[in-house]
Amino acid sequence: MKKLLPILFLLVGLGGGIGAGIAMSPSGKTKDGDMDKSAAAEPKKAKEKATKTKSDKKDTASKYEYLKMTKQFVIPVVKSDRIAALVTMSLSLETKPGVAETIYEFEPKLRDGFLQVLFDHANTGGFNGNFTESDNLDLVRKALLQVAKKDLGDDVLQVLIMSVNRQDT
């Protein structure tokens, strides 16, 4: 009897699990066996959404390219002739398609211009206080975009700030 009881519990549990699985399955059929109208309509809507999303992504992908700058930018924040903090920033560029090679060739010049903008921003107190405030970061983006457009023309559409971190010393 002691050996039979676990087997009995196993069979009852297995039967209950199978029954619950059948009862709760999303088969789309009602109790009458007819197909539920909303369940039949859902796959069509899902296919339409997937098709729209894929076509939207193709359109967006063909309009822009996103190029990550190869290294982070490290900007010292100086107070009283001492380095009070270091700010690290990762940037990417939104560009027209097919200009990646050109941009990577000009990256040293672009980095130099970007560093000058970031150093100026740090020297004017841009990385003090709430430096991640939207208006503050917009100023940096606009200044970086001006440098990028000066060096690369209209091939660069936006400068994207991917990460910003400040480490106080």
N, C-alpha and C. Protein backbone atom coordinates (compact mmCIF):
# COMPACT_ATOMS: atom_id res chain seq x y z
N MET A 1 0.82 -1.19 0.00
CA MET A 1 0.00 0.00 0.00
C MET A 1 0.87 1.26 0.00
N LYS A 2 2.00 1.26 0.74
CA LYS A 2 2.88 2.42 0.79
C LYS A 2 3.48 2.70 -0.58
N LYS A 3 3.74 1.67 -1.37
CA LYS A 3 4.33 1.85 -2.70
C LYS A 3 3.28 2.26 -3.73
N LEU A 4 2.03 1.94 -3.50
CA LEU A 4 0.95 2.23 -4.43
C LEU A 4 0.48 3.69 -4.32
N LEU A 5 0.56 4.26 -3.13
CA LEU A 5 0.08 5.62 -2.87
C LEU A 5 0.84 6.67 -3.71
N PRO A 6 2.17 6.66 -3.78
CA PRO A 6 2.86 7.65 -4.63
C PRO A 6 2.49 7.51 -6.11
N ILE A 7 2.32 6.30 -6.58
CA ILE A 7 1.94 6.10 -7.99
C ILE A 7 0.55 6.64 -8.23
N LEU A 8 -0.35 6.45 -7.29
CA LEU A 8 -1.71 6.97 -7.41
C LEU A 8 -1.70 8.50 -7.46
N PHE A 9 -0.92 9.14 -6.57
CA PHE A 9 -0.81 10.60 -6.58
C PHE A 9 -0.22 11.09 -7.90
N LEU A 10 0.75 10.37 -8.42
CA LEU A 10 1.37 10.73 -9.68
C LEU A 10 0.36 10.70 -10.82
N LEU A 11 -0.44 9.67 -10.88
CA LEU A 11 -1.45 9.54 -11.93
C LEU A 11 -2.53 10.62 -11.82
N VAL A 12 -2.99 10.88 -10.60
CA VAL A 12 -4.01 11.91 -10.39
C VAL A 12 -3.44 13.29 -10.78
N GLY A 13 -2.21 13.59 -10.38
CA GLY A 13 -1.59 14.87 -10.72
C GLY A 13 -1.37 15.01 -12.22
N LEU A 14 -0.93 13.93 -12.85
CA LEU A 14 -0.72 13.95 -14.30
C LEU A 14 -2.04 14.16 -15.04
N GLY A 15 -3.07 13.47 -14.62
CA GLY A 15 -4.38 13.64 -15.25
C GLY A 15 -4.92 15.04 -15.06
N GLY A 16 -4.76 15.59 -13.86
CA GLY A 16 -5.22 16.95 -13.59
C GLY A 16 -4.45 17.97 -14.42
N GLY A 17 -3.16 17.79 -14.57
CA GLY A 17 -2.35 18.70 -15.37
C GLY A 17 -2.73 18.66 -16.84
N ILE A 18 -2.96 17.47 -17.36
CA ILE A 18 -3.38 17.34 -18.76
C ILE A 18 -4.75 17.97 -18.96
N GLY A 19 -5.66 17.74 -18.04
CA GLY A 19 -7.00 18.32 -18.14
C GLY A 19 -6.95 19.84 -18.08
N ALA A 20 -6.16 20.39 -17.19
CA ALA A 20 -6.04 21.85 -17.08
C ALA A 20 -5.40 22.43 -18.35
N GLY A 21 -4.42 21.72 -18.89
CA GLY A 21 -3.78 22.18 -20.12
C GLY A 21 -4.74 22.23 -21.28
N ILE A 22 -5.58 21.23 -21.41
CA ILE A 22 -6.57 21.19 -22.49
C ILE A 22 -7.62 22.28 -22.28
N ALA A 23 -8.08 22.43 -21.04
CA ALA A 23 -9.12 23.43 -20.76
C ALA A 23 -8.63 24.85 -20.97
N MET A 24 -7.37 25.11 -20.71
CA MET A 24 -6.87 26.48 -20.77
C MET A 24 -6.07 26.76 -22.04
N SER A 25 -6.04 25.84 -22.96
CA SER A 25 -5.25 26.05 -24.18
C SER A 25 -5.90 27.12 -25.06
N PRO A 26 -5.10 27.94 -25.72
CA PRO A 26 -5.64 28.99 -26.58
C PRO A 26 -5.94 28.46 -27.97
N SER A 27 -6.82 27.49 -28.06
CA SER A 27 -7.11 26.86 -29.35
C SER A 27 -7.99 27.73 -30.23
N GLY A 28 -8.71 28.68 -29.63
CA GLY A 28 -9.57 29.54 -30.42
C GLY A 28 -10.95 28.93 -30.64
N LYS A 29 -11.21 27.78 -30.06
CA LYS A 29 -12.52 27.16 -30.21
C LYS A 29 -13.34 27.43 -28.97
N THR A 30 -14.65 27.61 -29.18
CA THR A 30 -15.56 27.78 -28.06
C THR A 30 -16.03 26.42 -27.61
N LYS A 31 -16.89 26.39 -26.61
CA LYS A 31 -17.40 25.12 -26.10
C LYS A 31 -18.18 24.36 -27.17
N ASP A 32 -18.79 25.09 -28.10
CA ASP A 32 -19.59 24.46 -29.15
C ASP A 32 -18.71 23.83 -30.22
N GLY A 33 -17.45 24.13 -30.23
CA GLY A 33 -16.56 23.61 -31.26
C GLY A 33 -16.39 24.57 -32.42
N ASP A 34 -17.12 25.70 -32.40
CA ASP A 34 -16.98 26.70 -33.46
C ASP A 34 -15.78 27.58 -33.18
N MET A 35 -15.24 28.11 -34.22
CA MET A 35 -14.08 28.99 -34.09
C MET A 35 -14.54 30.33 -33.54
N ASP A 36 -13.86 30.83 -32.53
CA ASP A 36 -14.16 32.12 -31.94
C ASP A 36 -13.77 33.21 -32.94
N LYS A 37 -14.65 34.20 -33.14
CA LYS A 37 -14.39 35.27 -34.13
C LYS A 37 -13.18 36.11 -33.75
N SER A 38 -13.05 36.45 -32.48
CA SER A 38 -11.93 37.28 -32.07
C SER A 38 -10.60 36.52 -32.19
N ALA A 39 -10.62 35.22 -31.94
CA ALA A 39 -9.39 34.42 -32.07
C ALA A 39 -8.99 34.30 -33.53
N ALA A 40 -9.97 34.24 -34.42
CA ALA A 40 -9.66 34.16 -35.85
C ALA A 40 -9.12 35.49 -36.36
N ALA A 41 -9.59 36.59 -35.78
CA ALA A 41 -9.16 37.91 -36.24
C ALA A 41 -7.77 38.27 -35.72
N GLU A 42 -7.40 37.73 -34.55
CA GLU A 42 -6.11 38.07 -33.95
C GLU A 42 -4.91 37.73 -34.82
N PRO A 43 -4.83 36.53 -35.43
CA PRO A 43 -3.67 36.25 -36.26
C PRO A 43 -3.54 37.21 -37.44
N LYS A 44 -4.66 37.60 -38.03
CA LYS A 44 -4.60 38.54 -39.15
C LYS A 44 -4.04 39.88 -38.70
N LYS A 45 -4.51 40.37 -37.54
CA LYS A 45 -4.02 41.64 -37.02
C LYS A 45 -2.54 41.55 -36.68
N ALA A 46 -2.13 40.45 -36.10
CA ALA A 46 -0.73 40.27 -35.74
C ALA A 46 0.15 40.26 -36.99
N LYS A 47 -0.33 39.59 -38.06
CA LYS A 47 0.43 39.56 -39.31
C LYS A 47 0.55 40.96 -39.90
N GLU A 48 -0.56 41.72 -39.87
CA GLU A 48 -0.54 43.08 -40.41
C GLU A 48 0.43 43.95 -39.63
N LYS A 49 0.42 43.84 -38.29
CA LYS A 49 1.34 44.63 -37.48
C LYS A 49 2.78 44.25 -37.76
N ALA A 50 3.04 42.96 -37.88
CA ALA A 50 4.41 42.51 -38.15
C ALA A 50 4.88 43.01 -39.51
N THR A 51 4.00 42.99 -40.49
CA THR A 51 4.36 43.45 -41.82
C THR A 51 4.64 44.95 -41.79
N LYS A 52 3.79 45.71 -41.10
CA LYS A 52 3.99 47.15 -41.01
C LYS A 52 5.29 47.46 -40.29
N THR A 53 5.55 46.77 -39.20
CA THR A 53 6.77 47.00 -38.43
C THR A 53 8.00 46.70 -39.26
N LYS A 54 7.98 45.60 -39.99
CA LYS A 54 9.13 45.24 -40.82
C LYS A 54 9.35 46.28 -41.92
N SER A 55 8.26 46.74 -42.55
CA SER A 55 8.43 47.72 -43.62
C SER A 55 8.90 49.06 -43.06
N ASP A 56 8.40 49.43 -41.86
CA ASP A 56 8.86 50.67 -41.23
C ASP A 56 10.34 50.59 -40.91
N LYS A 57 10.78 49.44 -40.40
CA LYS A 57 12.20 49.27 -40.08
C LYS A 57 13.05 49.33 -41.34
N LYS A 58 12.57 48.75 -42.43
CA LYS A 58 13.33 48.80 -43.68
C LYS A 58 13.47 50.23 -44.16
N ASP A 59 12.38 51.01 -44.06
CA ASP A 59 12.43 52.41 -44.48
C ASP A 59 13.41 53.19 -43.62
N THR A 60 13.33 52.99 -42.30
CA THR A 60 14.23 53.69 -41.39
C THR A 60 15.66 53.25 -41.60
N ALA A 61 15.87 51.95 -41.80
CA ALA A 61 17.22 51.44 -41.98
C ALA A 61 17.85 51.99 -43.26
N SER A 62 17.05 52.21 -44.27
CA SER A 62 17.61 52.71 -45.52
C SER A 62 17.86 54.22 -45.47
N LYS A 63 17.22 54.93 -44.55
CA LYS A 63 17.38 56.38 -44.45
C LYS A 63 18.59 56.77 -43.61
N TYR A 64 18.92 55.99 -42.58
CA TYR A 64 19.96 56.37 -41.63
C TYR A 64 20.91 55.21 -41.35
N GLU A 65 22.11 55.60 -40.92
CA GLU A 65 23.09 54.65 -40.40
C GLU A 65 23.54 55.20 -39.06
N TYR A 66 23.83 54.31 -38.12
CA TYR A 66 24.30 54.74 -36.81
C TYR A 66 25.71 54.23 -36.60
N LEU A 67 26.63 55.15 -36.39
CA LEU A 67 28.04 54.81 -36.25
C LEU A 67 28.51 55.18 -34.85
N LYS A 68 29.01 54.20 -34.15
CA LYS A 68 29.51 54.42 -32.80
C LYS A 68 30.96 54.90 -32.87
N MET A 69 31.26 55.95 -32.15
CA MET A 69 32.64 56.41 -32.06
C MET A 69 33.43 55.31 -31.36
N THR A 70 34.63 55.04 -31.83
CA THR A 70 35.36 53.85 -31.39
C THR A 70 35.77 53.89 -29.92
N LYS A 71 36.02 55.06 -29.36
CA LYS A 71 36.44 55.16 -27.96
C LYS A 71 35.58 56.16 -27.23
N GLN A 72 35.53 56.00 -25.90
CA GLN A 72 34.84 56.97 -25.07
C GLN A 72 35.64 58.26 -25.00
N PHE A 73 34.96 59.34 -24.67
CA PHE A 73 35.62 60.61 -24.45
C PHE A 73 35.78 60.79 -22.94
N VAL A 74 36.95 61.18 -22.50
CA VAL A 74 37.22 61.42 -21.08
C VAL A 74 37.53 62.89 -20.92
N ILE A 75 36.71 63.55 -20.10
CA ILE A 75 36.81 65.00 -19.93
C ILE A 75 37.09 65.30 -18.46
N PRO A 76 38.19 65.99 -18.16
CA PRO A 76 38.45 66.37 -16.76
C PRO A 76 37.63 67.60 -16.37
N VAL A 77 37.13 67.59 -15.15
CA VAL A 77 36.44 68.76 -14.59
C VAL A 77 37.41 69.36 -13.58
N VAL A 78 37.87 70.60 -13.85
CA VAL A 78 38.92 71.23 -13.05
C VAL A 78 38.30 72.28 -12.13
N LYS A 79 38.71 72.22 -10.83
CA LYS A 79 38.31 73.24 -9.85
C LYS A 79 39.54 73.59 -9.04
N SER A 80 39.82 74.86 -8.92
CA SER A 80 40.97 75.34 -8.14
C SER A 80 42.26 74.69 -8.60
N ASP A 81 42.46 74.62 -9.89
CA ASP A 81 43.67 74.04 -10.50
C ASP A 81 43.88 72.57 -10.15
N ARG A 82 42.83 71.87 -9.79
CA ARG A 82 42.92 70.44 -9.51
C ARG A 82 41.78 69.74 -10.25
N ILE A 83 42.02 68.50 -10.61
CA ILE A 83 40.96 67.72 -11.27
C ILE A 83 39.99 67.25 -10.19
N ALA A 84 38.77 67.77 -10.26
CA ALA A 84 37.75 67.46 -9.27
C ALA A 84 36.94 66.24 -9.68
N ALA A 85 36.86 65.96 -10.99
CA ALA A 85 36.07 64.83 -11.46
C ALA A 85 36.49 64.49 -12.88
N LEU A 86 36.14 63.30 -13.29
CA LEU A 86 36.32 62.89 -14.68
C LEU A 86 34.95 62.50 -15.23
N VAL A 87 34.66 63.01 -16.41
CA VAL A 87 33.40 62.66 -17.09
C VAL A 87 33.76 61.80 -18.29
N THR A 88 33.10 60.66 -18.40
CA THR A 88 33.27 59.82 -19.59
C THR A 88 31.98 59.86 -20.38
N MET A 89 32.13 59.92 -21.68
CA MET A 89 30.96 60.04 -22.55
C MET A 89 31.16 59.18 -23.79
N SER A 90 30.12 58.43 -24.15
CA SER A 90 30.12 57.64 -25.38
C SER A 90 29.18 58.30 -26.37
N LEU A 91 29.64 58.44 -27.60
CA LEU A 91 28.85 59.11 -28.63
C LEU A 91 28.67 58.22 -29.85
N SER A 92 27.56 58.42 -30.54
CA SER A 92 27.31 57.80 -31.83
C SER A 92 26.83 58.88 -32.78
N LEU A 93 26.94 58.60 -34.06
CA LEU A 93 26.50 59.55 -35.08
C LEU A 93 25.39 58.94 -35.92
N GLU A 94 24.35 59.72 -36.16
CA GLU A 94 23.31 59.33 -37.11
C GLU A 94 23.70 59.95 -38.44
N THR A 95 23.90 59.10 -39.44
CA THR A 95 24.41 59.58 -40.73
C THR A 95 23.56 59.08 -41.88
N LYS A 96 23.85 59.62 -43.04
CA LYS A 96 23.25 59.10 -44.26
C LYS A 96 23.90 57.75 -44.56
N PRO A 97 23.21 56.85 -45.24
CA PRO A 97 23.79 55.54 -45.52
C PRO A 97 25.01 55.63 -46.45
N GLY A 98 25.97 54.76 -46.20
CA GLY A 98 27.11 54.64 -47.09
C GLY A 98 28.27 55.59 -46.83
N VAL A 99 28.26 56.30 -45.72
CA VAL A 99 29.34 57.24 -45.45
C VAL A 99 30.23 56.79 -44.29
N ALA A 100 30.07 55.56 -43.86
CA ALA A 100 30.81 55.06 -42.70
C ALA A 100 32.31 55.14 -42.92
N GLU A 101 32.77 54.72 -44.09
CA GLU A 101 34.21 54.73 -44.37
C GLU A 101 34.78 56.15 -44.26
N THR A 102 34.08 57.11 -44.84
CA THR A 102 34.54 58.50 -44.80
C THR A 102 34.61 59.00 -43.37
N ILE A 103 33.60 58.69 -42.59
CA ILE A 103 33.56 59.17 -41.21
C ILE A 103 34.69 58.55 -40.40
N TYR A 104 34.91 57.25 -40.57
CA TYR A 104 35.99 56.61 -39.82
C TYR A 104 37.37 57.12 -40.25
N GLU A 105 37.51 57.56 -41.50
CA GLU A 105 38.77 58.16 -41.94
C GLU A 105 39.00 59.52 -41.26
N PHE A 106 37.91 60.25 -41.04
CA PHE A 106 38.01 61.58 -40.42
C PHE A 106 37.86 61.54 -38.90
N GLU A 107 37.79 60.35 -38.33
CA GLU A 107 37.54 60.25 -36.89
C GLU A 107 38.57 60.98 -36.03
N PRO A 108 39.88 60.92 -36.31
CA PRO A 108 40.82 61.68 -35.46
C PRO A 108 40.51 63.18 -35.43
N LYS A 109 40.22 63.75 -36.59
CA LYS A 109 39.89 65.18 -36.65
C LYS A 109 38.57 65.45 -35.94
N LEU A 110 37.61 64.55 -36.12
CA LEU A 110 36.31 64.69 -35.48
C LEU A 110 36.45 64.58 -33.96
N ARG A 111 37.24 63.64 -33.48
CA ARG A 111 37.47 63.48 -32.04
C ARG A 111 38.11 64.74 -31.45
N ASP A 112 39.05 65.31 -32.18
CA ASP A 112 39.71 66.52 -31.72
C ASP A 112 38.70 67.65 -31.55
N GLY A 113 37.85 67.84 -32.53
CA GLY A 113 36.82 68.88 -32.45
C GLY A 113 35.83 68.61 -31.33
N PHE A 114 35.42 67.33 -31.19
CA PHE A 114 34.49 66.96 -30.13
C PHE A 114 35.11 67.21 -28.75
N LEU A 115 36.39 66.84 -28.59
CA LEU A 115 37.06 67.06 -27.30
C LEU A 115 37.14 68.54 -26.96
N GLN A 116 37.40 69.36 -27.96
CA GLN A 116 37.46 70.80 -27.70
C GLN A 116 36.12 71.32 -27.21
N VAL A 117 35.03 70.87 -27.84
CA VAL A 117 33.69 71.27 -27.40
C VAL A 117 33.42 70.79 -25.98
N LEU A 118 33.79 69.54 -25.69
CA LEU A 118 33.54 68.98 -24.37
C LEU A 118 34.40 69.65 -23.30
N PHE A 119 35.65 69.97 -23.63
CA PHE A 119 36.49 70.69 -22.67
C PHE A 119 35.92 72.08 -22.39
N ASP A 120 35.48 72.77 -23.42
CA ASP A 120 34.87 74.09 -23.23
C ASP A 120 33.62 74.00 -22.36
N HIS A 121 32.83 72.96 -22.60
CA HIS A 121 31.61 72.74 -21.81
C HIS A 121 31.97 72.50 -20.34
N ALA A 122 33.01 71.72 -20.10
CA ALA A 122 33.45 71.44 -18.73
C ALA A 122 33.98 72.71 -18.07
N ASN A 123 34.74 73.52 -18.82
CA ASN A 123 35.33 74.74 -18.25
C ASN A 123 34.29 75.81 -17.93
N THR A 124 33.14 75.75 -18.59
CA THR A 124 32.08 76.72 -18.29
C THR A 124 31.11 76.19 -17.22
N GLY A 125 31.43 75.05 -16.63
CA GLY A 125 30.59 74.49 -15.56
C GLY A 125 29.47 73.61 -16.06
N GLY A 126 29.54 73.16 -17.29
CA GLY A 126 28.47 72.35 -17.85
C GLY A 126 28.33 70.97 -17.24
N PHE A 127 29.41 70.47 -16.62
CA PHE A 127 29.35 69.16 -15.99
C PHE A 127 29.25 69.25 -14.47
N ASN A 128 28.87 70.41 -13.95
CA ASN A 128 28.64 70.59 -12.52
C ASN A 128 27.15 70.46 -12.24
N GLY A 129 26.82 70.15 -11.03
CA GLY A 129 25.41 70.07 -10.64
C GLY A 129 24.65 69.00 -11.41
N ASN A 130 23.46 69.35 -11.85
CA ASN A 130 22.61 68.41 -12.59
C ASN A 130 23.00 68.45 -14.06
N PHE A 131 24.13 67.87 -14.38
CA PHE A 131 24.66 67.95 -15.74
C PHE A 131 23.90 67.09 -16.74
N THR A 132 23.05 66.20 -16.27
CA THR A 132 22.27 65.36 -17.20
C THR A 132 20.91 65.97 -17.53
N GLU A 133 20.67 67.18 -17.10
CA GLU A 133 19.42 67.86 -17.43
C GLU A 133 19.28 67.98 -18.95
N SER A 134 18.09 67.84 -19.43
CA SER A 134 17.82 67.79 -20.87
C SER A 134 18.36 69.01 -21.62
N ASP A 135 18.10 70.20 -21.09
CA ASP A 135 18.58 71.42 -21.76
C ASP A 135 20.10 71.47 -21.83
N ASN A 136 20.74 71.02 -20.77
CA ASN A 136 22.20 71.01 -20.72
C ASN A 136 22.77 70.07 -21.77
N LEU A 137 22.21 68.87 -21.89
CA LEU A 137 22.69 67.91 -22.88
C LEU A 137 22.36 68.36 -24.30
N ASP A 138 21.25 69.07 -24.48
CA ASP A 138 20.91 69.59 -25.81
C ASP A 138 21.96 70.59 -26.29
N LEU A 139 22.47 71.42 -25.37
CA LEU A 139 23.53 72.36 -25.73
C LEU A 139 24.77 71.62 -26.24
N VAL A 140 25.13 70.56 -25.55
CA VAL A 140 26.30 69.77 -25.94
C VAL A 140 26.05 69.12 -27.30
N ARG A 141 24.87 68.53 -27.48
CA ARG A 141 24.54 67.88 -28.77
C ARG A 141 24.64 68.86 -29.94
N LYS A 142 24.07 70.04 -29.75
CA LYS A 142 24.09 71.05 -30.82
C LYS A 142 25.51 71.48 -31.16
N ALA A 143 26.32 71.70 -30.13
CA ALA A 143 27.70 72.12 -30.36
C ALA A 143 28.49 71.00 -31.06
N LEU A 144 28.28 69.76 -30.65
CA LEU A 144 28.96 68.63 -31.28
C LEU A 144 28.50 68.46 -32.73
N LEU A 145 27.21 68.68 -32.98
CA LEU A 145 26.69 68.56 -34.34
C LEU A 145 27.29 69.64 -35.24
N GLN A 146 27.48 70.85 -34.72
CA GLN A 146 28.11 71.91 -35.52
C GLN A 146 29.52 71.51 -35.93
N VAL A 147 30.28 70.92 -35.02
CA VAL A 147 31.63 70.48 -35.34
C VAL A 147 31.59 69.38 -36.39
N ALA A 148 30.67 68.43 -36.21
CA ALA A 148 30.57 67.31 -37.16
C ALA A 148 30.18 67.81 -38.54
N LYS A 149 29.24 68.73 -38.61
CA LYS A 149 28.82 69.27 -39.91
C LYS A 149 29.93 70.10 -40.56
N LYS A 150 30.73 70.78 -39.73
CA LYS A 150 31.85 71.57 -40.26
C LYS A 150 32.87 70.63 -40.92
N ASP A 151 33.12 69.49 -40.29
CA ASP A 151 34.12 68.55 -40.81
C ASP A 151 33.58 67.63 -41.90
N LEU A 152 32.32 67.21 -41.78
CA LEU A 152 31.78 66.18 -42.67
C LEU A 152 30.60 66.64 -43.52
N GLY A 153 30.15 67.84 -43.35
CA GLY A 153 29.03 68.34 -44.14
C GLY A 153 27.69 67.78 -43.68
N ASP A 154 26.77 67.68 -44.62
CA ASP A 154 25.41 67.23 -44.30
C ASP A 154 25.27 65.72 -44.18
N ASP A 155 26.38 64.99 -44.25
CA ASP A 155 26.31 63.53 -44.07
C ASP A 155 25.95 63.15 -42.64
N VAL A 156 26.27 64.01 -41.67
CA VAL A 156 25.93 63.76 -40.28
C VAL A 156 24.62 64.47 -39.97
N LEU A 157 23.66 63.71 -39.46
CA LEU A 157 22.34 64.27 -39.17
C LEU A 157 22.16 64.61 -37.69
N GLN A 158 22.71 63.76 -36.81
CA GLN A 158 22.59 64.00 -35.37
C GLN A 158 23.79 63.41 -34.65
N VAL A 159 24.08 63.97 -33.49
CA VAL A 159 25.05 63.37 -32.57
C VAL A 159 24.24 62.82 -31.41
N LEU A 160 24.43 61.55 -31.13
CA LEU A 160 23.67 60.87 -30.08
C LEU A 160 24.58 60.61 -28.89
N ILE A 161 24.13 61.00 -27.71
CA ILE A 161 24.88 60.73 -26.48
C ILE A 161 24.39 59.38 -25.95
N MET A 162 25.27 58.39 -25.99
CA MET A 162 24.89 57.03 -25.59
C MET A 162 25.03 56.83 -24.08
N SER A 163 26.06 57.42 -23.49
CA SER A 163 26.22 57.33 -22.03
C SER A 163 27.05 58.49 -21.53
N VAL A 164 26.76 58.88 -20.29
CA VAL A 164 27.50 59.93 -19.61
C VAL A 164 27.71 59.46 -18.17
N ASN A 165 28.94 59.60 -17.71
CA ASN A 165 29.23 59.20 -16.35
C ASN A 165 30.22 60.19 -15.75
N ARG A 166 29.96 60.60 -14.52
CA ARG A 166 30.87 61.52 -13.82
C ARG A 166 31.39 60.81 -12.58
N GLN A 167 32.71 60.77 -12.45
CA GLN A 167 33.34 60.15 -11.28
C GLN A 167 34.13 61.24 -10.56
N ASP A 168 33.67 61.57 -9.36
CA ASP A 168 34.37 62.59 -8.56
C ASP A 168 35.63 61.97 -7.95
N THR A 169 36.69 62.81 -7.87
CA THR A 169 37.95 62.30 -7.30
C THR A 169 38.06 62.62 -5.83
